[in-house]
Structures are given as structure tokens and as C-alpha cells.
PDB file of N, CA and C in Angstrom:
ATOM      1  N   MET A   1    -197.649 -90.959 127.868  1.00  0.00           N
ATOM      2  CA  MET A   1    -198.388 -89.713 127.740  1.00  0.00           C
ATOM      3  C   MET A   1    -197.559 -88.712 126.934  1.00  0.00           C
ATOM      4  N   ASP A   2    -198.151 -88.107 125.949  1.00  0.00           N
ATOM      5  CA  ASP A   2    -197.448 -87.135 125.122  1.00  0.00           C
ATOM      6  C   ASP A   2    -197.215 -85.861 125.920  1.00  0.00           C
ATOM      7  N   SER A   3    -196.053 -85.262 125.711  1.00  0.00           N
ATOM      8  CA  SER A   3    -195.788 -83.994 126.377  1.00  0.00           C
ATOM      9  C   SER A   3    -196.474 -82.872 125.598  1.00  0.00           C
ATOM     10  N   LEU A   4    -196.837 -81.835 126.311  1.00  0.00           N
ATOM     11  CA  LEU A   4    -197.493 -80.692 125.690  1.00  0.00           C
ATOM     12  C   LEU A   4    -196.499 -79.926 124.826  1.00  0.00           C
ATOM     13  N   PRO A   5    -196.993 -79.253 123.771  1.00  0.00           N
ATOM     14  CA  PRO A   5    -196.090 -78.486 122.903  1.00  0.00           C
ATOM     15  C   PRO A   5    -195.736 -77.119 123.498  1.00  0.00           C
ATOM     16  N   PHE A   6    -196.141 -76.884 124.740  1.00  0.00           N
ATOM     17  CA  PHE A   6    -195.854 -75.626 125.426  1.00  0.00           C
ATOM     18  C   PHE A   6    -195.615 -75.936 126.901  1.00  0.00           C
ATOM     19  N   LYS A   7    -195.125 -74.929 127.635  1.00  0.00           N
ATOM     20  CA  LYS A   7    -194.898 -75.088 129.069  1.00  0.00           C
ATOM     21  C   LYS A   7    -195.814 -74.156 129.838  1.00  0.00           C
ATOM     22  N   ARG A   8    -196.320 -74.637 130.959  1.00  0.00           N
ATOM     23  CA  ARG A   8    -197.097 -73.806 131.868  1.00  0.00           C
ATOM     24  C   ARG A   8    -196.133 -73.201 132.879  1.00  0.00           C
ATOM     25  N   ILE A   9    -196.217 -71.886 133.064  1.00  0.00           N
ATOM     26  CA  ILE A   9    -195.326 -71.227 134.010  1.00  0.00           C
ATOM     27  C   ILE A   9    -196.107 -70.267 134.904  1.00  0.00           C
ATOM     28  N   ASP A  10    -195.540 -69.980 136.079  1.00  0.00           N
ATOM     29  CA  ASP A  10    -196.185 -69.055 137.000  1.00  0.00           C
ATOM     30  C   ASP A  10    -195.726 -67.622 136.701  1.00  0.00           C
ATOM     31  N   CYS A  11    -196.258 -66.681 137.442  1.00  0.00           N
ATOM     32  CA  CYS A  11    -195.973 -65.268 137.175  1.00  0.00           C
ATOM     33  C   CYS A  11    -194.507 -64.924 137.371  1.00  0.00           C
ATOM     34  N   GLN A  12    -193.874 -65.494 138.374  1.00  0.00           N
ATOM     35  CA  GLN A  12    -192.459 -65.190 138.616  1.00  0.00           C
ATOM     36  C   GLN A  12    -191.595 -65.678 137.453  1.00  0.00           C
ATOM     37  N   GLN A  13    -191.883 -66.877 136.958  1.00  0.00           N
ATOM     38  CA  GLN A  13    -191.152 -67.401 135.802  1.00  0.00           C
ATOM     39  C   GLN A  13    -191.435 -66.547 134.567  1.00  0.00           C
ATOM     40  N   ALA A  14    -192.689 -66.098 134.429  1.00  0.00           N
ATOM     41  CA  ALA A  14    -193.072 -65.263 133.292  1.00  0.00           C
ATOM     42  C   ALA A  14    -192.346 -63.927 133.327  1.00  0.00           C
ATOM     43  N   LEU A  15    -192.197 -63.358 134.516  1.00  0.00           N
ATOM     44  CA  LEU A  15    -191.476 -62.100 134.649  1.00  0.00           C
ATOM     45  C   LEU A  15    -190.045 -62.244 134.137  1.00  0.00           C
ATOM     46  N   GLN A  16    -189.396 -63.320 134.513  1.00  0.00           N
ATOM     47  CA  GLN A  16    -188.022 -63.560 134.053  1.00  0.00           C
ATOM     48  C   GLN A  16    -187.982 -63.742 132.534  1.00  0.00           C
ATOM     49  N   LEU A  17    -188.951 -64.478 132.013  1.00  0.00           N
ATOM     50  CA  LEU A  17    -189.021 -64.715 130.570  1.00  0.00           C
ATOM     51  C   LEU A  17    -189.192 -63.395 129.817  1.00  0.00           C
ATOM     52  N   ILE A  18    -190.074 -62.536 130.314  1.00  0.00           N
ATOM     53  CA  ILE A  18    -190.308 -61.231 129.689  1.00  0.00           C
ATOM     54  C   ILE A  18    -189.052 -60.373 129.766  1.00  0.00           C
ATOM     55  N   ASP A  19    -188.429 -60.366 130.933  1.00  0.00           N
ATOM     56  CA  ASP A  19    -187.203 -59.576 131.092  1.00  0.00           C
ATOM     57  C   ASP A  19    -186.089 -60.079 130.182  1.00  0.00           C
ATOM     58  N   ASP A  20    -186.159 -61.343 129.795  1.00  0.00           N
ATOM     59  CA  ASP A  20    -185.170 -61.924 128.883  1.00  0.00           C
ATOM     60  C   ASP A  20    -185.555 -61.746 127.416  1.00  0.00           C
ATOM     61  N   GLY A  21    -186.685 -61.048 127.141  1.00  0.00           N
ATOM     62  CA  GLY A  21    -187.032 -60.706 125.766  1.00  0.00           C
ATOM     63  C   GLY A  21    -188.187 -61.454 125.129  1.00  0.00           C
ATOM     64  N   ALA A  22    -188.978 -62.176 125.908  1.00  0.00           N
ATOM     65  CA  ALA A  22    -190.116 -62.905 125.336  1.00  0.00           C
ATOM     66  C   ALA A  22    -191.183 -61.954 124.805  1.00  0.00           C
ATOM     67  N   VAL A  23    -191.894 -62.403 123.791  1.00  0.00           N
ATOM     68  CA  VAL A  23    -193.063 -61.700 123.268  1.00  0.00           C
ATOM     69  C   VAL A  23    -194.261 -62.148 124.101  1.00  0.00           C
ATOM     70  N   VAL A  24    -195.150 -61.203 124.437  1.00  0.00           N
ATOM     71  CA  VAL A  24    -196.348 -61.531 125.201  1.00  0.00           C
ATOM     72  C   VAL A  24    -197.572 -61.365 124.305  1.00  0.00           C
ATOM     73  N   ALA A  25    -198.369 -62.428 124.210  1.00  0.00           N
ATOM     74  CA  ALA A  25    -199.613 -62.393 123.443  1.00  0.00           C
ATOM     75  C   ALA A  25    -200.774 -62.514 124.420  1.00  0.00           C
ATOM     76  N   ASP A  26    -201.641 -61.524 124.444  1.00  0.00           N
ATOM     77  CA  ASP A  26    -202.807 -61.486 125.327  1.00  0.00           C
ATOM     78  C   ASP A  26    -204.032 -61.837 124.488  1.00  0.00           C
ATOM     79  N   ILE A  27    -204.750 -62.887 124.859  1.00  0.00           N
ATOM     80  CA  ILE A  27    -205.882 -63.338 124.052  1.00  0.00           C
ATOM     81  C   ILE A  27    -207.229 -62.940 124.655  1.00  0.00           C
ATOM     82  N   ARG A  28    -207.217 -62.052 125.636  1.00  0.00           N
ATOM     83  CA  ARG A  28    -208.480 -61.575 126.201  1.00  0.00           C
ATOM     84  C   ARG A  28    -209.190 -60.656 125.197  1.00  0.00           C
ATOM     85  N   ASP A  29    -210.392 -60.225 125.533  1.00  0.00           N
ATOM     86  CA  ASP A  29    -211.129 -59.349 124.617  1.00  0.00           C
ATOM     87  C   ASP A  29    -210.516 -57.943 124.606  1.00  0.00           C
ATOM     88  N   GLU A  30    -210.858 -57.202 123.575  1.00  0.00           N
ATOM     89  CA  GLU A  30    -210.263 -55.891 123.349  1.00  0.00           C
ATOM     90  C   GLU A  30    -210.519 -54.914 124.499  1.00  0.00           C
ATOM     91  N   ALA A  31    -211.720 -54.916 125.058  1.00  0.00           N
ATOM     92  CA  ALA A  31    -212.043 -53.995 126.150  1.00  0.00           C
ATOM     93  C   ALA A  31    -211.226 -54.309 127.402  1.00  0.00           C
ATOM     94  N   SER A  32    -211.075 -55.580 127.719  1.00  0.00           N
ATOM     95  CA  SER A  32    -210.266 -55.974 128.884  1.00  0.00           C
ATOM     96  C   SER A  32    -208.811 -55.595 128.671  1.00  0.00           C
ATOM     97  N   PHE A  33    -208.317 -55.834 127.470  1.00  0.00           N
ATOM     98  CA  PHE A  33    -206.938 -55.471 127.129  1.00  0.00           C
ATOM     99  C   PHE A  33    -206.738 -53.965 127.267  1.00  0.00           C
ATOM    100  N   ALA A  34    -207.715 -53.180 126.803  1.00  0.00           N
ATOM    101  CA  ALA A  34    -207.608 -51.725 126.864  1.00  0.00           C
ATOM    102  C   ALA A  34    -207.577 -51.234 128.315  1.00  0.00           C
ATOM    103  N   ARG A  35    -208.331 -51.892 129.196  1.00  0.00           N
ATOM    104  CA  ARG A  35    -208.347 -51.491 130.609  1.00  0.00           C
ATOM    105  C   ARG A  35    -206.988 -51.717 131.263  1.00  0.00           C
ATOM    106  N   SER A  36    -206.377 -52.856 130.988  1.00  0.00           N
ATOM    107  CA  SER A  36    -205.066 -53.148 131.543  1.00  0.00           C
ATOM    108  C   SER A  36    -204.535 -54.438 130.948  1.00  0.00           C
ATOM    109  N   HIS A  37    -203.217 -54.497 130.773  1.00  0.00           N
ATOM    110  CA  HIS A  37    -202.557 -55.684 130.229  1.00  0.00           C
ATOM    111  C   HIS A  37    -201.091 -55.674 130.660  1.00  0.00           C
ATOM    112  N   ILE A  38    -200.418 -56.782 130.456  1.00  0.00           N
ATOM    113  CA  ILE A  38    -198.995 -56.851 130.743  1.00  0.00           C
ATOM    114  C   ILE A  38    -198.286 -55.841 129.832  1.00  0.00           C
ATOM    115  N   SER A  39    -197.409 -55.060 130.411  1.00  0.00           N
ATOM    116  CA  SER A  39    -196.685 -54.049 129.630  1.00  0.00           C
ATOM    117  C   SER A  39    -196.069 -54.668 128.381  1.00  0.00           C
ATOM    118  N   ASP A  40    -196.241 -53.996 127.258  1.00  0.00           N
ATOM    119  CA  ASP A  40    -195.707 -54.390 125.951  1.00  0.00           C
ATOM    120  C   ASP A  40    -196.360 -55.634 125.353  1.00  0.00           C
ATOM    121  N   ALA A  41    -197.479 -56.077 125.917  1.00  0.00           N
ATOM    122  CA  ALA A  41    -198.189 -57.235 125.360  1.00  0.00           C
ATOM    123  C   ALA A  41    -198.860 -56.855 124.042  1.00  0.00           C
ATOM    124  N   HIS A  42    -199.074 -57.862 123.213  1.00  0.00           N
ATOM    125  CA  HIS A  42    -199.788 -57.707 121.947  1.00  0.00           C
ATOM    126  C   HIS A  42    -201.167 -58.329 122.111  1.00  0.00           C
ATOM    127  N   LEU A  43    -202.205 -57.597 121.737  1.00  0.00           N
ATOM    128  CA  LEU A  43    -203.546 -58.171 121.737  1.00  0.00           C
ATOM    129  C   LEU A  43    -203.642 -59.127 120.554  1.00  0.00           C
ATOM    130  N   LEU A  44    -204.000 -60.350 120.822  1.00  0.00           N
ATOM    131  CA  LEU A  44    -204.076 -61.362 119.777  1.00  0.00           C
ATOM    132  C   LEU A  44    -205.509 -61.840 119.653  1.00  0.00           C
ATOM    133  N   SER A  45    -206.045 -61.743 118.441  1.00  0.00           N
ATOM    134  CA  SER A  45    -207.425 -62.173 118.186  1.00  0.00           C
ATOM    135  C   SER A  45    -207.472 -62.903 116.847  1.00  0.00           C
ATOM    136  N   ASN A  46    -208.610 -63.424 116.520  1.00  0.00           N
ATOM    137  CA  ASN A  46    -208.784 -64.080 115.220  1.00  0.00           C
ATOM    138  C   ASN A  46    -208.514 -63.112 114.067  1.00  0.00           C
ATOM    139  N   HIS A  47    -208.715 -61.815 114.310  1.00  0.00           N
ATOM    140  CA  HIS A  47    -208.551 -60.815 113.259  1.00  0.00           C
ATOM    141  C   HIS A  47    -207.092 -60.541 112.911  1.00  0.00           C
ATOM    142  N   ASN A  48    -206.193 -60.690 113.879  1.00  0.00           N
ATOM    143  CA  ASN A  48    -204.794 -60.371 113.600  1.00  0.00           C
ATOM    144  C   ASN A  48    -203.864 -61.569 113.801  1.00  0.00           C
ATOM    145  N   LEU A  49    -204.411 -62.747 113.957  1.00  0.00           N
ATOM    146  CA  LEU A  49    -203.620 -63.942 114.232  1.00  0.00           C
ATOM    147  C   LEU A  49    -202.586 -64.227 113.145  1.00  0.00           C
ATOM    148  N   GLN A  50    -203.002 -64.259 111.901  1.00  0.00           N
ATOM    149  CA  GLN A  50    -202.072 -64.574 110.814  1.00  0.00           C
ATOM    150  C   GLN A  50    -200.970 -63.531 110.711  1.00  0.00           C
ATOM    151  N   GLN A  51    -201.328 -62.278 110.863  1.00  0.00           N
ATOM    152  CA  GLN A  51    -200.334 -61.194 110.816  1.00  0.00           C
ATOM    153  C   GLN A  51    -199.345 -61.340 111.977  1.00  0.00           C
ATOM    154  N   PHE A  52    -199.855 -61.673 113.161  1.00  0.00           N
ATOM    155  CA  PHE A  52    -198.982 -61.872 114.325  1.00  0.00           C
ATOM    156  C   PHE A  52    -197.971 -62.985 114.062  1.00  0.00           C
ATOM    157  N   ILE A  53    -198.449 -64.089 113.501  1.00  0.00           N
ATOM    158  CA  ILE A  53    -197.561 -65.218 113.204  1.00  0.00           C
ATOM    159  C   ILE A  53    -196.494 -64.814 112.181  1.00  0.00           C
ATOM    160  N   GLU A  54    -196.916 -64.104 111.148  1.00  0.00           N
ATOM    161  CA  GLU A  54    -195.991 -63.696 110.087  1.00  0.00           C
ATOM    162  C   GLU A  54    -194.962 -62.667 110.557  1.00  0.00           C
ATOM    163  N   GLU A  55    -195.342 -61.804 111.491  1.00  0.00           N
ATOM    164  CA  GLU A  55    -194.476 -60.697 111.885  1.00  0.00           C
ATOM    165  C   GLU A  55    -193.561 -61.008 113.065  1.00  0.00           C
ATOM    166  N   ASN A  56    -193.728 -62.145 113.707  1.00  0.00           N
ATOM    167  CA  ASN A  56    -192.922 -62.453 114.878  1.00  0.00           C
ATOM    168  C   ASN A  56    -191.907 -63.539 114.587  1.00  0.00           C
ATOM    169  N   ASP A  57    -190.794 -63.445 115.287  1.00  0.00           N
ATOM    170  CA  ASP A  57    -189.711 -64.410 115.172  1.00  0.00           C
ATOM    171  C   ASP A  57    -190.134 -65.698 115.861  1.00  0.00           C
ATOM    172  N   LEU A  58    -190.234 -66.784 115.117  1.00  0.00           N
ATOM    173  CA  LEU A  58    -190.687 -68.061 115.659  1.00  0.00           C
ATOM    174  C   LEU A  58    -189.701 -68.642 116.665  1.00  0.00           C
ATOM    175  N   ASP A  59    -188.464 -68.149 116.666  1.00  0.00           N
ATOM    176  CA  ASP A  59    -187.446 -68.629 117.606  1.00  0.00           C
ATOM    177  C   ASP A  59    -187.488 -67.889 118.946  1.00  0.00           C
ATOM    178  N   ARG A  60    -188.150 -66.747 118.961  1.00  0.00           N
ATOM    179  CA  ARG A  60    -188.212 -65.945 120.189  1.00  0.00           C
ATOM    180  C   ARG A  60    -189.271 -66.540 121.132  1.00  0.00           C
ATOM    181  N   PRO A  61    -188.975 -66.651 122.431  1.00  0.00           N
ATOM    182  CA  PRO A  61    -189.979 -67.192 123.362  1.00  0.00           C
ATOM    183  C   PRO A  61    -191.278 -66.398 123.303  1.00  0.00           C
ATOM    184  N   LEU A  62    -192.392 -67.105 123.435  1.00  0.00           N
ATOM    185  CA  LEU A  62    -193.725 -66.511 123.355  1.00  0.00           C
ATOM    186  C   LEU A  62    -194.514 -66.895 124.595  1.00  0.00           C
ATOM    187  N   LEU A  63    -194.993 -65.883 125.321  1.00  0.00           N
ATOM    188  CA  LEU A  63    -195.828 -66.091 126.500  1.00  0.00           C
ATOM    189  C   LEU A  63    -197.260 -65.737 126.135  1.00  0.00           C
ATOM    190  N   VAL A  64    -198.187 -66.664 126.368  1.00  0.00           N
ATOM    191  CA  VAL A  64    -199.599 -66.438 126.072  1.00  0.00           C
ATOM    192  C   VAL A  64    -200.344 -66.277 127.386  1.00  0.00           C
ATOM    193  N   CYS A  65    -201.160 -65.223 127.469  1.00  0.00           N
ATOM    194  CA  CYS A  65    -201.964 -65.038 128.680  1.00  0.00           C
ATOM    195  C   CYS A  65    -203.415 -64.774 128.320  1.00  0.00           C
ATOM    196  N   CYS A  66    -204.291 -65.159 129.257  1.00  0.00           N
ATOM    197  CA  CYS A  66    -205.726 -64.934 129.124  1.00  0.00           C
ATOM    198  C   CYS A  66    -206.201 -64.381 130.470  1.00  0.00           C
ATOM    199  N   TYR A  67    -207.455 -64.605 130.822  1.00  0.00           N
ATOM    200  CA  TYR A  67    -207.995 -64.092 132.080  1.00  0.00           C
ATOM    201  C   TYR A  67    -207.439 -64.836 133.293  1.00  0.00           C
ATOM    202  N   HIS A  68    -207.575 -66.166 133.288  1.00  0.00           N
ATOM    203  CA  HIS A  68    -207.243 -66.964 134.473  1.00  0.00           C
ATOM    204  C   HIS A  68    -206.258 -68.100 134.204  1.00  0.00           C
ATOM    205  N   GLY A  69    -205.795 -68.240 132.974  1.00  0.00           N
ATOM    206  CA  GLY A  69    -204.807 -69.264 132.665  1.00  0.00           C
ATOM    207  C   GLY A  69    -205.365 -70.536 132.058  1.00  0.00           C
ATOM    208  N   ASN A  70    -206.633 -70.528 131.668  1.00  0.00           N
ATOM    209  CA  ASN A  70    -207.225 -71.719 131.054  1.00  0.00           C
ATOM    210  C   ASN A  70    -207.205 -71.650 129.527  1.00  0.00           C
ATOM    211  N   SER A  71    -207.765 -70.610 128.959  1.00  0.00           N
ATOM    212  CA  SER A  71    -207.826 -70.462 127.500  1.00  0.00           C
ATOM    213  C   SER A  71    -206.439 -70.331 126.885  1.00  0.00           C
ATOM    214  N   SER A  72    -205.505 -69.807 127.657  1.00  0.00           N
ATOM    215  CA  SER A  72    -204.153 -69.613 127.113  1.00  0.00           C
ATOM    216  C   SER A  72    -203.480 -70.941 126.796  1.00  0.00           C
ATOM    217  N   ARG A  73    -203.902 -72.013 127.450  1.00  0.00           N
ATOM    218  CA  ARG A  73    -203.289 -73.313 127.173  1.00  0.00           C
ATOM    219  C   ARG A  73    -203.598 -73.774 125.753  1.00  0.00           C
ATOM    220  N   SER A  74    -204.849 -73.675 125.340  1.00  0.00           N
ATOM    221  CA  SER A  74    -205.187 -74.106 123.981  1.00  0.00           C
ATOM    222  C   SER A  74    -204.584 -73.155 122.953  1.00  0.00           C
ATOM    223  N   ALA A  75    -204.532 -71.867 123.273  1.00  0.00           N
ATOM    224  CA  ALA A  75    -203.907 -70.906 122.359  1.00  0.00           C
ATOM    225  C   ALA A  75    -202.411 -71.179 122.250  1.00  0.00           C
ATOM    226  N   ALA A  76    -201.776 -71.504 123.363  1.00  0.00           N
ATOM    227  CA  ALA A  76    -200.337 -71.811 123.341  1.00  0.00           C
ATOM    228  C   ALA A  76    -200.067 -73.048 122.491  1.00  0.00           C
ATOM    229  N   ALA A  77    -200.900 -74.064 122.644  1.00  0.00           N
ATOM    230  CA  ALA A  77    -200.742 -75.280 121.835  1.00  0.00           C
ATOM    231  C   ALA A  77    -200.917 -74.954 120.355  1.00  0.00           C
ATOM    232  N   PHE A  78    -201.919 -74.151 120.031  1.00  0.00           N
ATOM    233  CA  PHE A  78    -202.173 -73.750 118.648  1.00  0.00           C
ATOM    234  C   PHE A  78    -200.964 -73.016 118.067  1.00  0.00           C
ATOM    235  N   LEU A  79    -200.407 -72.067 118.820  1.00  0.00           N
ATOM    236  CA  LEU A  79    -199.266 -71.290 118.324  1.00  0.00           C
ATOM    237  C   LEU A  79    -198.015 -72.148 118.198  1.00  0.00           C
ATOM    238  N   ALA A  80    -197.852 -73.107 119.084  1.00  0.00           N
ATOM    239  CA  ALA A  80    -196.722 -74.036 118.965  1.00  0.00           C
ATOM    240  C   ALA A  80    -196.857 -74.854 117.686  1.00  0.00           C
ATOM    241  N   GLU A  81    -198.086 -75.252 117.360  1.00  0.00           N
ATOM    242  CA  GLU A  81    -198.329 -76.000 116.126  1.00  0.00           C
ATOM    243  C   GLU A  81    -198.079 -75.152 114.888  1.00  0.00           C
ATOM    244  N   ARG A  82    -198.136 -73.825 115.031  1.00  0.00           N
ATOM    245  CA  ARG A  82    -197.913 -72.921 113.910  1.00  0.00           C
ATOM    246  C   ARG A  82    -196.448 -72.543 113.759  1.00  0.00           C
ATOM    247  N   GLY A  83    -195.570 -73.140 114.565  1.00  0.00           N
ATOM    248  CA  GLY A  83    -194.151 -72.939 114.350  1.00  0.00           C
ATOM    249  C   GLY A  83    -193.379 -72.237 115.446  1.00  0.00           C
ATOM    250  N   PHE A  84    -194.054 -71.655 116.424  1.00  0.00           N
ATOM    251  CA  PHE A  84    -193.317 -71.034 117.523  1.00  0.00           C
ATOM    252  C   PHE A  84    -192.630 -72.139 118.312  1.00  0.00           C
ATOM    253  N   GLU A  85    -191.331 -71.961 118.558  1.00  0.00           N
ATOM    254  CA  GLU A  85    -190.542 -73.032 119.156  1.00  0.00           C
ATOM    255  C   GLU A  85    -190.613 -73.103 120.668  1.00  0.00           C
ATOM    256  N   SER A  86    -190.699 -71.959 121.332  1.00  0.00           N
ATOM    257  CA  SER A  86    -190.730 -71.916 122.796  1.00  0.00           C
ATOM    258  C   SER A  86    -191.972 -71.154 123.238  1.00  0.00           C
ATOM    259  N   VAL A  87    -193.026 -71.884 123.546  1.00  0.00           N
ATOM    260  CA  VAL A  87    -194.308 -71.271 123.890  1.00  0.00           C
ATOM    261  C   VAL A  87    -194.638 -71.588 125.341  1.00  0.00           C
ATOM    262  N   TYR A  88    -195.153 -70.570 126.039  1.00  0.00           N
ATOM    263  CA  TYR A  88    -195.472 -70.686 127.457  1.00  0.00           C
ATOM    264  C   TYR A  88    -196.886 -70.172 127.703  1.00  0.00           C
ATOM    265  N   SER A  89    -197.590 -70.819 128.620  1.00  0.00           N
ATOM    266  CA  SER A  89    -198.923 -70.390 129.040  1.00  0.00           C
ATOM    267  C   SER A  89    -198.813 -69.897 130.477  1.00  0.00           C
ATOM    268  N   LEU A  90    -199.373 -68.726 130.748  1.00  0.00           N
ATOM    269  CA  LEU A  90    -199.277 -68.117 132.076  1.00  0.00           C
ATOM    270  C   LEU A  90    -200.344 -68.682 132.999  1.00  0.00           C
ATOM    271  N   ASP A  91    -199.926 -69.497 133.957  1.00  0.00           N
ATOM    272  CA  ASP A  91    -200.861 -70.028 134.957  1.00  0.00           C
ATOM    273  C   ASP A  91    -201.407 -68.869 135.795  1.00  0.00           C
ATOM    274  N   GLY A  92    -202.709 -68.870 136.015  1.00  0.00           N
ATOM    275  CA  GLY A  92    -203.346 -67.793 136.759  1.00  0.00           C
ATOM    276  C   GLY A  92    -203.735 -66.618 135.899  1.00  0.00           C
ATOM    277  N   GLY A  93    -203.213 -66.576 134.675  1.00  0.00           N
ATOM    278  CA  GLY A  93    -203.571 -65.548 133.708  1.00  0.00           C
ATOM    279  C   GLY A  93    -203.262 -64.124 134.161  1.00  0.00           C
ATOM    280  N   PHE A  94    -203.914 -63.190 133.488  1.00  0.00           N
ATOM    281  CA  PHE A  94    -203.667 -61.778 133.782  1.00  0.00           C
ATOM    282  C   PHE A  94    -204.113 -61.422 135.191  1.00  0.00           C
ATOM    283  N   GLU A  95    -205.142 -62.081 135.693  1.00  0.00           N
ATOM    284  CA  GLU A  95    -205.609 -61.796 137.056  1.00  0.00           C
ATOM    285  C   GLU A  95    -204.476 -62.005 138.058  1.00  0.00           C
ATOM    286  N   ALA A  96    -203.767 -63.116 137.961  1.00  0.00           N
ATOM    287  CA  ALA A  96    -202.655 -63.397 138.875  1.00  0.00           C
ATOM    288  C   ALA A  96    -201.512 -62.403 138.639  1.00  0.00           C
ATOM    289  N   TRP A  97    -201.225 -62.128 137.365  1.00  0.00           N
ATOM    290  CA  TRP A  97    -200.155 -61.188 137.036  1.00  0.00           C
ATOM    291  C   TRP A  97    -200.426 -59.817 137.649  1.00  0.00           C
ATOM    292  N   GLN A  98    -201.640 -59.328 137.482  1.00  0.00           N
ATOM    293  CA  GLN A  98    -201.997 -57.997 137.961  1.00  0.00           C
ATOM    294  C   GLN A  98    -201.869 -57.900 139.490  1.00  0.00           C
ATOM    295  N   GLN A  99    -202.184 -58.986 140.181  1.00  0.00           N
ATOM    296  CA  GLN A  99    -202.046 -58.993 141.636  1.00  0.00           C
ATOM    297  C   GLN A  99    -200.582 -58.974 142.056  1.00  0.00           C
ATOM    298  N   GLN A 100    -199.741 -59.713 141.343  1.00  0.00           N
ATOM    299  CA  GLN A 100    -198.334 -59.819 141.725  1.00  0.00           C
ATOM    300  C   GLN A 100    -197.468 -58.679 141.209  1.00  0.00           C
ATOM    301  N   PHE A 101    -197.782 -58.182 140.021  1.00  0.00           N
ATOM    302  CA  PHE A 101    -196.934 -57.165 139.392  1.00  0.00           C
ATOM    303  C   PHE A 101    -197.765 -55.994 138.845  1.00  0.00           C
ATOM    304  N   PRO A 102    -198.468 -55.268 139.724  1.00  0.00           N
ATOM    305  CA  PRO A 102    -199.294 -54.155 139.225  1.00  0.00           C
ATOM    306  C   PRO A 102    -198.478 -53.069 138.536  1.00  0.00           C
ATOM    307  N   ASP A 103    -197.190 -52.963 138.892  1.00  0.00           N
ATOM    308  CA  ASP A 103    -196.335 -51.964 138.256  1.00  0.00           C
ATOM    309  C   ASP A 103    -195.855 -52.371 136.878  1.00  0.00           C
ATOM    310  N   ARG A 104    -196.161 -53.614 136.476  1.00  0.00           N
ATOM    311  CA  ARG A 104    -195.785 -54.115 135.142  1.00  0.00           C
ATOM    312  C   ARG A 104    -197.023 -54.260 134.251  1.00  0.00           C
ATOM    313  N   CYS A 105    -198.034 -53.426 134.524  1.00  0.00           N
ATOM    314  CA  CYS A 105    -199.264 -53.415 133.721  1.00  0.00           C
ATOM    315  C   CYS A 105    -199.391 -52.070 133.026  1.00  0.00           C
ATOM    316  N   ALA A 106    -200.083 -52.067 131.883  1.00  0.00           N
ATOM    317  CA  ALA A 106    -200.264 -50.856 131.100  1.00  0.00           C
ATOM    318  C   ALA A 106    -201.698 -50.784 130.608  1.00  0.00           C
ATOM    319  N   ARG A 107    -202.071 -49.621 130.134  1.00  0.00           N
ATOM    320  CA  ARG A 107    -203.393 -49.413 129.519  1.00  0.00           C
ATOM    321  C   ARG A 107    -203.204 -49.085 128.041  1.00  0.00           C
ATOM    322  N   ALA A 108    -204.204 -49.470 127.251  1.00  0.00           N
ATOM    323  CA  ALA A 108    -204.124 -49.188 125.809  1.00  0.00           C
ATOM    324  C   ALA A 108    -204.416 -47.726 125.543  1.00  0.00           C
TER     325      ALA A 108
END
């Protein structure tokens, strides 16, 4: 069985990754992102995808989050294929993050 080009991690692991300098890419819709998101996250959509890839260090860890942790897996695989070396998908997504770390959320 082939290994995935990214790792699935829980919120506690994600917190450590963020504290160690990871970039956070949120792939939810703009309105959901505006209501609340992981502090310092970047909203990532089809409109800014190429710019995001060009402007970020491919060697820096990248955490991808969505609503519940499902869509972020395919996005993480896609970004790993585009050259990001250390890509992570947040299991449970933003919903789990918001429950565990409400003080680490921000509004747009």
C-alpha cells in the first residue's frame, strides 16, 4: 500500500506544529472563514491557490484544515504534489479545533 503524501494529525499535534512555525491553509468558504478560523490561517481557494503556492516556502510545514477533516485530505495531497514537503491534514477540521482551542481562533 502506498503511503500518503501527507500526514493526518489531531488538534493537539496541530497546535504544536503551529507553535513551531507551520503555515495554516483553511479551505472552507469565505463566509465561514470570516466568522472564525485558526489564528493566522490563510484562506485558500481556487482564486488564490497559485499565488499561495508561489509565495510560501515549500520547506515550511503546511497544515490544511476544512470543516470536519475530510476535504482537507485531498487538498493536502494536492499541495504535497505541488511541492510542499511537509503537509498535514487536521483530523476533525476546524470544528474540532474550535472546540479544543477557542482562544486560538480569530475573525476576519
